PDB file of N, CA and C in Angstrom:
ATOM      1  N   MET A   1      26.917  51.619  86.850  1.00  0.00           N
ATOM      2  CA  MET A   1      25.753  52.128  86.540  1.00  0.00           C
ATOM      3  C   MET A   1      25.344  52.868  85.004  1.00  0.00           C
ATOM      4  N   PRO A   2      24.934  52.693  84.084  1.00  0.00           N
ATOM      5  CA  PRO A   2      24.461  53.393  82.720  1.00  0.00           C
ATOM      6  C   PRO A   2      23.606  54.741  82.705  1.00  0.00           C
ATOM      7  N   ILE A   3      24.008  55.779  82.760  1.00  0.00           N
ATOM      8  CA  ILE A   3      22.917  56.832  82.890  1.00  0.00           C
ATOM      9  C   ILE A   3      22.715  58.036  81.493  1.00  0.00           C
ATOM     10  N   ILE A   4      21.657  57.837  81.405  1.00  0.00           N
ATOM     11  CA  ILE A   4      21.018  58.810  80.265  1.00  0.00           C
ATOM     12  C   ILE A   4      20.921  60.446  80.960  1.00  0.00           C
ATOM     13  N   VAL A   5      21.397  60.877  79.843  1.00  0.00           N
ATOM     14  CA  VAL A   5      21.870  62.608  80.162  1.00  0.00           C
ATOM     15  C   VAL A   5      20.630  63.278  79.294  1.00  0.00           C
ATOM     16  N   LEU A   6      19.799  63.899  79.996  1.00  0.00           N
ATOM     17  CA  LEU A   6      18.194  64.648  79.537  1.00  0.00           C
ATOM     18  C   LEU A   6      18.329  66.193  79.836  1.00  0.00           C
ATOM     19  N   VAL A   7      17.905  66.903  78.875  1.00  0.00           N
ATOM     20  CA  VAL A   7      17.363  68.169  79.057  1.00  0.00           C
ATOM     21  C   VAL A   7      16.285  68.597  79.173  1.00  0.00           C
ATOM     22  N   GLU A   8      15.884  69.368  80.244  1.00  0.00           N
ATOM     23  CA  GLU A   8      14.677  70.128  80.851  1.00  0.00           C
ATOM     24  C   GLU A   8      14.530  71.228  80.363  1.00  0.00           C
ATOM     25  N   PRO A   9      13.323  71.248  79.173  1.00  0.00           N
ATOM     26  CA  PRO A   9      13.165  72.265  78.453  1.00  0.00           C
ATOM     27  C   PRO A   9      12.774  73.495  79.002  1.00  0.00           C
ATOM     28  N   ARG A  10      13.361  74.665  78.073  1.00  0.00           N
ATOM     29  CA  ARG A  10      12.246  75.848  78.677  1.00  0.00           C
ATOM     30  C   ARG A  10      11.697  76.179  77.727  1.00  0.00           C
ATOM     31  N   LYS A  11      10.412  76.464  77.727  1.00  0.00           N
ATOM     32  CA  LYS A  11       9.766  76.678  76.207  1.00  0.00           C
ATOM     33  C   LYS A  11       9.632  78.511  76.131  1.00  0.00           C
ATOM     34  N   GLU A  12       9.834  79.032  75.028  1.00  0.00           N
ATOM     35  CA  GLU A  12       9.376  80.731  75.285  1.00  0.00           C
ATOM     36  C   GLU A  12       9.213  80.697  73.833  1.00  0.00           C
ATOM     37  N   MET A  13       8.104  81.557  73.820  1.00  0.00           N
ATOM     38  CA  MET A  13       7.488  82.105  72.466  1.00  0.00           C
ATOM     39  C   MET A  13       8.445  83.429  71.942  1.00  0.00           C
ATOM     40  N   SER A  14       7.838  83.418  70.587  1.00  0.00           N
ATOM     41  CA  SER A  14       9.018  84.532  69.730  1.00  0.00           C
ATOM     42  C   SER A  14       8.454  85.757  70.448  1.00  0.00           C
ATOM     43  N   THR A  15       9.585  86.724  69.980  1.00  0.00           N
ATOM     44  CA  THR A  15       9.238  87.747  70.830  1.00  0.00           C
ATOM     45  C   THR A  15       9.081  88.665  69.931  1.00  0.00           C
ATOM     46  N   ASP A  16       8.618  88.583  68.676  1.00  0.00           N
ATOM     47  CA  ASP A  16       8.093  89.105  67.563  1.00  0.00           C
ATOM     48  C   ASP A  16       6.679  89.415  67.359  1.00  0.00           C
ATOM     49  N   PHE A  17       5.453  88.887  68.418  1.00  0.00           N
ATOM     50  CA  PHE A  17       4.235  88.549  68.423  1.00  0.00           C
ATOM     51  C   PHE A  17       3.803  87.815  67.360  1.00  0.00           C
ATOM     52  N   GLY A  18       4.990  87.164  66.459  1.00  0.00           N
ATOM     53  CA  GLY A  18       4.156  86.825  65.406  1.00  0.00           C
ATOM     54  C   GLY A  18       4.044  85.608  65.604  1.00  0.00           C
ATOM     55  N   ALA A  19       2.946  84.445  64.762  1.00  0.00           N
ATOM     56  CA  ALA A  19       2.715  83.090  64.783  1.00  0.00           C
ATOM     57  C   ALA A  19       3.661  82.049  64.669  1.00  0.00           C
ATOM     58  N   GLY A  20       3.667  81.538  65.490  1.00  0.00           N
ATOM     59  CA  GLY A  20       4.726  80.223  65.769  1.00  0.00           C
ATOM     60  C   GLY A  20       4.602  79.426  67.019  1.00  0.00           C
ATOM     61  N   LYS A  21       5.372  78.501  66.864  1.00  0.00           N
ATOM     62  CA  LYS A  21       5.420  77.533  67.576  1.00  0.00           C
ATOM     63  C   LYS A  21       6.544  78.240  68.820  1.00  0.00           C
ATOM     64  N   ALA A  22       6.568  77.555  70.082  1.00  0.00           N
ATOM     65  CA  ALA A  22       7.630  78.055  71.283  1.00  0.00           C
ATOM     66  C   ALA A  22       8.756  77.010  70.994  1.00  0.00           C
ATOM     67  N   VAL A  23      10.185  77.899  71.299  1.00  0.00           N
ATOM     68  CA  VAL A  23      11.011  77.578  70.944  1.00  0.00           C
ATOM     69  C   VAL A  23      11.609  76.700  72.245  1.00  0.00           C
ATOM     70  N   SER A  24      12.181  75.529  72.282  1.00  0.00           N
ATOM     71  CA  SER A  24      12.696  75.034  73.270  1.00  0.00           C
ATOM     72  C   SER A  24      14.451  75.496  73.527  1.00  0.00           C
ATOM     73  N   PHE A  25      14.625  76.035  75.104  1.00  0.00           N
ATOM     74  CA  PHE A  25      16.299  76.144  75.212  1.00  0.00           C
ATOM     75  C   PHE A  25      16.395  75.608  76.292  1.00  0.00           C
ATOM     76  N   PRO A  26      17.851  75.083  76.572  1.00  0.00           N
ATOM     77  CA  PRO A  26      17.711  74.315  78.202  1.00  0.00           C
ATOM     78  C   PRO A  26      17.386  75.240  79.102  1.00  0.00           C
ATOM     79  N   LYS A  27      17.046  74.622  79.854  1.00  0.00           N
ATOM     80  CA  LYS A  27      16.570  75.150  81.530  1.00  0.00           C
ATOM     81  C   LYS A  27      17.821  74.545  82.725  1.00  0.00           C
ATOM     82  N   ALA A  28      17.871  73.249  82.222  1.00  0.00           N
ATOM     83  CA  ALA A  28      18.856  72.372  83.274  1.00  0.00           C
ATOM     84  C   ALA A  28      18.844  71.086  82.725  1.00  0.00           C
ATOM     85  N   VAL A  29      20.178  70.861  82.861  1.00  0.00           N
ATOM     86  CA  VAL A  29      20.477  69.276  82.069  1.00  0.00           C
ATOM     87  C   VAL A  29      20.572  68.436  83.324  1.00  0.00           C
ATOM     88  N   HIS A  30      20.223  67.045  83.170  1.00  0.00           N
ATOM     89  CA  HIS A  30      20.131  66.089  84.433  1.00  0.00           C
ATOM     90  C   HIS A  30      20.121  65.147  84.067  1.00  0.00           C
ATOM     91  N   ALA A  31      20.618  64.267  84.937  1.00  0.00           N
ATOM     92  CA  ALA A  31      21.007  62.585  84.672  1.00  0.00           C
ATOM     93  C   ALA A  31      19.936  62.141  85.411  1.00  0.00           C
ATOM     94  N   ALA A  32      20.148  60.835  84.526  1.00  0.00           N
ATOM     95  CA  ALA A  32      19.078  59.789  85.221  1.00  0.00           C
ATOM     96  C   ALA A  32      19.783  58.072  85.206  1.00  0.00           C
ATOM     97  N   PRO A  33      19.507  57.271  86.312  1.00  0.00           N
ATOM     98  CA  PRO A  33      19.898  56.119  85.650  1.00  0.00           C
ATOM     99  C   PRO A  33      19.153  55.361  84.624  1.00  0.00           C
ATOM    100  N   ALA A  34      19.835  54.452  83.876  1.00  0.00           N
ATOM    101  CA  ALA A  34      19.138  54.291  82.455  1.00  0.00           C
ATOM    102  C   ALA A  34      18.060  53.230  83.091  1.00  0.00           C
ATOM    103  N   ASP A  35      16.928  52.904  82.306  1.00  0.00           N
ATOM    104  CA  ASP A  35      15.690  52.102  82.817  1.00  0.00           C
ATOM    105  C   ASP A  35      16.018  50.607  82.934  1.00  0.00           C
ATOM    106  N   SER A  36      15.753  49.679  83.856  1.00  0.00           N
ATOM    107  CA  SER A  36      16.601  48.379  83.683  1.00  0.00           C
ATOM    108  C   SER A  36      15.702  47.446  82.858  1.00  0.00           C
ATOM    109  N   ASP A  37      14.377  48.110  82.438  1.00  0.00           N
ATOM    110  CA  ASP A  37      13.356  47.224  81.548  1.00  0.00           C
ATOM    111  C   ASP A  37      13.611  47.430  80.100  1.00  0.00           C
ATOM    112  N   VAL A  38      13.846  49.117  79.644  1.00  0.00           N
ATOM    113  CA  VAL A  38      13.899  49.609  78.437  1.00  0.00           C
ATOM    114  C   VAL A  38      14.826  50.206  78.218  1.00  0.00           C
ATOM    115  N   ALA A  39      15.749  49.791  77.355  1.00  0.00           N
ATOM    116  CA  ALA A  39      17.673  49.608  77.179  1.00  0.00           C
ATOM    117  C   ALA A  39      17.368  51.108  76.058  1.00  0.00           C
ATOM    118  N   GLY A  40      17.683  51.992  76.840  1.00  0.00           N
ATOM    119  CA  GLY A  40      18.362  53.135  76.152  1.00  0.00           C
ATOM    120  C   GLY A  40      17.394  54.303  76.805  1.00  0.00           C
ATOM    121  N   ASP A  41      16.336  53.745  77.700  1.00  0.00           N
ATOM    122  CA  ASP A  41      15.174  55.022  78.161  1.00  0.00           C
ATOM    123  C   ASP A  41      15.771  55.493  79.599  1.00  0.00           C
ATOM    124  N   PRO A  42      15.672  56.759  80.327  1.00  0.00           N
ATOM    125  CA  PRO A  42      15.757  57.034  81.654  1.00  0.00           C
ATOM    126  C   PRO A  42      14.930  56.183  82.697  1.00  0.00           C
ATOM    127  N   ALA A  43      15.333  56.115  83.713  1.00  0.00           N
ATOM    128  CA  ALA A  43      14.051  55.605  84.716  1.00  0.00           C
ATOM    129  C   ALA A  43      13.033  57.152  85.050  1.00  0.00           C
ATOM    130  N   GLU A  44      12.250  56.543  85.900  1.00  0.00           N
ATOM    131  CA  GLU A  44      11.400  57.904  85.826  1.00  0.00           C
ATOM    132  C   GLU A  44      11.703  58.906  86.653  1.00  0.00           C
ATOM    133  N   LEU A  45      12.932  58.659  87.255  1.00  0.00           N
ATOM    134  CA  LEU A  45      13.027  60.023  88.073  1.00  0.00           C
ATOM    135  C   LEU A  45      14.732  60.351  87.813  1.00  0.00           C
ATOM    136  N   THR A  46      15.265  61.738  87.769  1.00  0.00           N
ATOM    137  CA  THR A  46      16.313  61.953  87.823  1.00  0.00           C
ATOM    138  C   THR A  46      17.248  62.152  89.235  1.00  0.00           C
ATOM    139  N   PHE A  47      18.623  61.668  89.134  1.00  0.00           N
ATOM    140  CA  PHE A  47      19.315  61.589  90.343  1.00  0.00           C
ATOM    141  C   PHE A  47      18.932  62.597  91.625  1.00  0.00           C
ATOM    142  N   CYS A  48      18.247  64.063  90.929  1.00  0.00           N
ATOM    143  CA  CYS A  48      18.044  65.365  91.934  1.00  0.00           C
ATOM    144  C   CYS A  48      16.494  64.641  91.977  1.00  0.00           C
ATOM    145  N   GLY A  49      15.596  63.619  91.560  1.00  0.00           N
ATOM    146  CA  GLY A  49      14.302  63.509  92.214  1.00  0.00           C
ATOM    147  C   GLY A  49      13.387  63.936  91.385  1.00  0.00           C
ATOM    148  N   LYS A  50      13.680  65.139  89.839  1.00  0.00           N
ATOM    149  CA  LYS A  50      12.613  65.323  89.275  1.00  0.00           C
ATOM    150  C   LYS A  50      12.132  64.002  88.264  1.00  0.00           C
ATOM    151  N   PRO A  51      10.993  64.190  87.855  1.00  0.00           N
ATOM    152  CA  PRO A  51      10.369  63.071  86.582  1.00  0.00           C
ATOM    153  C   PRO A  51      10.947  63.603  85.612  1.00  0.00           C
ATOM    154  N   THR A  52      11.476  62.249  84.839  1.00  0.00           N
ATOM    155  CA  THR A  52      11.878  62.495  83.686  1.00  0.00           C
ATOM    156  C   THR A  52      11.074  62.719  82.396  1.00  0.00           C
ATOM    157  N   ALA A  53       9.758  62.598  82.611  1.00  0.00           N
ATOM    158  CA  ALA A  53       8.891  62.942  81.756  1.00  0.00           C
ATOM    159  C   ALA A  53       8.693  64.303  80.993  1.00  0.00           C
ATOM    160  N   GLY A  54       8.788  64.373  79.934  1.00  0.00           N
ATOM    161  CA  GLY A  54       8.732  65.913  79.200  1.00  0.00           C
ATOM    162  C   GLY A  54      10.545  66.398  79.080  1.00  0.00           C
ATOM    163  N   MET A  55      11.310  65.535  79.672  1.00  0.00           N
ATOM    164  CA  MET A  55      12.739  65.907  79.348  1.00  0.00           C
ATOM    165  C   MET A  55      13.037  65.165  77.930  1.00  0.00           C
ATOM    166  N   GLU A  56      14.101  65.879  77.385  1.00  0.00           N
ATOM    167  CA  GLU A  56      14.804  65.180  76.150  1.00  0.00           C
ATOM    168  C   GLU A  56      16.420  64.798  76.147  1.00  0.00           C
ATOM    169  N   PRO A  57      16.322  63.319  76.056  1.00  0.00           N
ATOM    170  CA  PRO A  57      17.517  63.188  76.092  1.00  0.00           C
ATOM    171  C   PRO A  57      18.328  63.547  75.274  1.00  0.00           C
ATOM    172  N   LEU A  58      19.853  63.236  75.061  1.00  0.00           N
ATOM    173  CA  LEU A  58      20.911  64.223  74.906  1.00  0.00           C
ATOM    174  C   LEU A  58      21.813  62.950  74.352  1.00  0.00           C
ATOM    175  N   PRO A  59      22.280  63.075  73.072  1.00  0.00           N
ATOM    176  CA  PRO A  59      23.146  61.909  72.289  1.00  0.00           C
ATOM    177  C   PRO A  59      24.500  61.979  72.985  1.00  0.00           C
ATOM    178  N   HIS A  60      24.762  62.063  74.696  1.00  0.00           N
ATOM    179  CA  HIS A  60      26.194  62.003  74.884  1.00  0.00           C
ATOM    180  C   HIS A  60      26.276  60.964  75.792  1.00  0.00           C
ATOM    181  N   MET A  61      27.768  60.280  75.555  1.00  0.00           N
ATOM    182  CA  MET A  61      28.104  59.489  76.469  1.00  0.00           C
ATOM    183  C   MET A  61      29.188  59.637  77.386  1.00  0.00           C
ATOM    184  N   PRO A  62      28.497  59.902  78.835  1.00  0.00           N
ATOM    185  CA  PRO A  62      29.462  60.437  79.698  1.00  0.00           C
ATOM    186  C   PRO A  62      30.627  59.730  80.095  1.00  0.00           C
ATOM    187  N   LYS A  63      31.314  60.364  80.225  1.00  0.00           N
ATOM    188  CA  LYS A  63      32.903  59.696  80.332  1.00  0.00           C
ATOM    189  C   LYS A  63      33.259  59.058  81.590  1.00  0.00           C
ATOM    190  N   GLY A  64      34.012  58.188  81.509  1.00  0.00           N
ATOM    191  CA  GLY A  64      34.480  57.502  82.692  1.00  0.00           C
ATOM    192  C   GLY A  64      34.994  58.051  83.721  1.00  0.00           C
ATOM    193  N   PRO A  65      35.200  57.506  85.091  1.00  0.00           N
ATOM    194  CA  PRO A  65      35.459  58.156  86.497  1.00  0.00           C
ATOM    195  C   PRO A  65      36.143  59.261  86.043  1.00  0.00           C
ATOM    196  N   GLY A  66      36.093  60.147  86.810  1.00  0.00           N
ATOM    197  CA  GLY A  66      36.454  61.639  86.979  1.00  0.00           C
ATOM    198  C   GLY A  66      36.201  62.654  85.799  1.00  0.00           C
ATOM    199  N   GLY A  67      35.356  61.758  84.833  1.00  0.00           N
ATOM    200  CA  GLY A  67      35.165  62.651  83.412  1.00  0.00           C
ATOM    201  C   GLY A  67      33.759  63.221  83.832  1.00  0.00           C
ATOM    202  N   SER A  68      33.438  64.114  82.635  1.00  0.00           N
ATOM    203  CA  SER A  68      31.919  65.283  83.122  1.00  0.00           C
ATOM    204  C   SER A  68      31.028  64.314  82.499  1.00  0.00           C
ATOM    205  N   TRP A  69      29.807  64.150  83.460  1.00  0.00           N
ATOM    206  CA  TRP A  69      28.597  63.125  82.744  1.00  0.00           C
ATOM    207  C   TRP A  69      27.875  64.054  81.778  1.00  0.00           C
ATOM    208  N   TYR A  70      27.791  65.639  81.686  1.00  0.00           N
ATOM    209  CA  TYR A  70      27.096  66.453  80.867  1.00  0.00           C
ATOM    210  C   TYR A  70      28.191  67.220  79.620  1.00  0.00           C
ATOM    211  N   PRO A  71      27.530  67.540  78.523  1.00  0.00           N
ATOM    212  CA  PRO A  71      28.103  67.773  77.658  1.00  0.00           C
ATOM    213  C   PRO A  71      28.774  69.698  77.620  1.00  0.00           C
ATOM    214  N   GLY A  72      30.046  69.348  77.368  1.00  0.00           N
ATOM    215  CA  GLY A  72      30.969  70.853  78.023  1.00  0.00           C
ATOM    216  C   GLY A  72      30.269  71.946  77.505  1.00  0.00           C
ATOM    217  N   GLY A  73      29.306  71.586  76.340  1.00  0.00           N
ATOM    218  CA  GLY A  73      29.012  73.034  76.033  1.00  0.00           C
ATOM    219  C   GLY A  73      27.611  73.646  76.672  1.00  0.00           C
ATOM    220  N   LEU A  74      27.354  72.276  77.635  1.00  0.00           N
ATOM    221  CA  LEU A  74      26.026  72.908  78.503  1.00  0.00           C
ATOM    222  C   LEU A  74      26.395  73.025  79.953  1.00  0.00           C
ATOM    223  N   SER A  75      27.475  73.061  80.466  1.00  0.00           N
ATOM    224  CA  SER A  75      27.974  73.062  81.683  1.00  0.00           C
ATOM    225  C   SER A  75      27.428  74.173  82.926  1.00  0.00           C
ATOM    226  N   GLN A  76      27.114  75.151  81.845  1.00  0.00           N
ATOM    227  CA  GLN A  76      26.393  76.236  82.878  1.00  0.00           C
ATOM    228  C   GLN A  76      25.024  76.080  83.153  1.00  0.00           C
ATOM    229  N   TYR A  77      24.309  74.614  82.241  1.00  0.00           N
ATOM    230  CA  TYR A  77      23.287  74.314  82.796  1.00  0.00           C
ATOM    231  C   TYR A  77      23.032  73.168  83.640  1.00  0.00           C
ATOM    232  N   ARG A  78      24.123  72.437  84.078  1.00  0.00           N
ATOM    233  CA  ARG A  78      24.431  71.146  84.965  1.00  0.00           C
ATOM    234  C   ARG A  78      23.531  71.597  86.189  1.00  0.00           C
ATOM    235  N   CYS A  79      22.830  70.015  86.301  1.00  0.00           N
ATOM    236  CA  CYS A  79      21.656  70.064  87.828  1.00  0.00           C
ATOM    237  C   CYS A  79      23.121  70.104  88.770  1.00  0.00           C
ATOM    238  N   ARG A  80      22.848  70.593  89.820  1.00  0.00           N
ATOM    239  CA  ARG A  80      23.728  70.887  91.004  1.00  0.00           C
ATOM    240  C   ARG A  80      23.577  69.412  92.021  1.00  0.00           C
ATOM    241  N   ASP A  81      22.410  69.218  92.103  1.00  0.00           N
ATOM    242  CA  ASP A  81      22.289  68.156  92.541  1.00  0.00           C
ATOM    243  C   ASP A  81      22.156  66.592  91.852  1.00  0.00           C
ATOM    244  N   CYS A  82      21.909  66.496  90.424  1.00  0.00           N
ATOM    245  CA  CYS A  82      22.779  65.793  89.966  1.00  0.00           C
ATOM    246  C   CYS A  82      23.726  65.682  89.794  1.00  0.00           C
ATOM    247  N   ASP A  83      24.823  66.255  89.943  1.00  0.00           N
ATOM    248  CA  ASP A  83      25.957  66.831  89.912  1.00  0.00           C
ATOM    249  C   ASP A  83      26.953  65.899  91.259  1.00  0.00           C
ATOM    250  N   ARG A  84      25.906  66.227  92.505  1.00  0.00           N
ATOM    251  CA  ARG A  84      26.329  65.520  93.532  1.00  0.00           C
ATOM    252  C   ARG A  84      26.086  64.312  93.802  1.00  0.00           C
ATOM    253  N   ALA A  85      24.765  64.002  93.266  1.00  0.00           N
ATOM    254  CA  ALA A  85      24.608  62.579  93.601  1.00  0.00           C
ATOM    255  C   ALA A  85      25.426  61.655  92.780  1.00  0.00           C
ATOM    256  N   LEU A  86      25.939  61.914  91.655  1.00  0.00           N
ATOM    257  CA  LEU A  86      26.711  61.384  90.979  1.00  0.00           C
ATOM    258  C   LEU A  86      27.766  61.281  91.088  1.00  0.00           C
ATOM    259  N   HIS A  87      28.263  62.138  91.709  1.00  0.00           N
ATOM    260  CA  HIS A  87      29.762  62.472  92.651  1.00  0.00           C
ATOM    261  C   HIS A  87      29.868  61.005  93.856  1.00  0.00           C
ATOM    262  N   SER A  88      28.817  61.065  94.229  1.00  0.00           N
ATOM    263  CA  SER A  88      28.360  60.174  95.268  1.00  0.00           C
ATOM    264  C   SER A  88      28.474  58.793  95.248  1.00  0.00           C
ATOM    265  N   LEU A  89      28.198  58.454  94.034  1.00  0.00           N
ATOM    266  CA  LEU A  89      28.442  56.908  93.970  1.00  0.00           C
ATOM    267  C   LEU A  89      29.351  56.150  93.633  1.00  0.00           C
TER     268      LEU A  89
END
């Protein structure tokens, strides 16, 4: 089953109180099954049950069986519930 890796963003405003846009930082990294109707899009819910709307897809190809589904540099943000769901497939 193809999966899409997504970042749940956490927006923060500048700490210098200056004008500007909120900056995105990762809140969590989730996995979702690929949408069966639209190639390259995630299904509506992640494996942990969160809505994928508003999440940002990562250009990461999950490794095969036994490999990690998330990018190594973001391991501290991986969703433990998505991880458990993927390992139980």
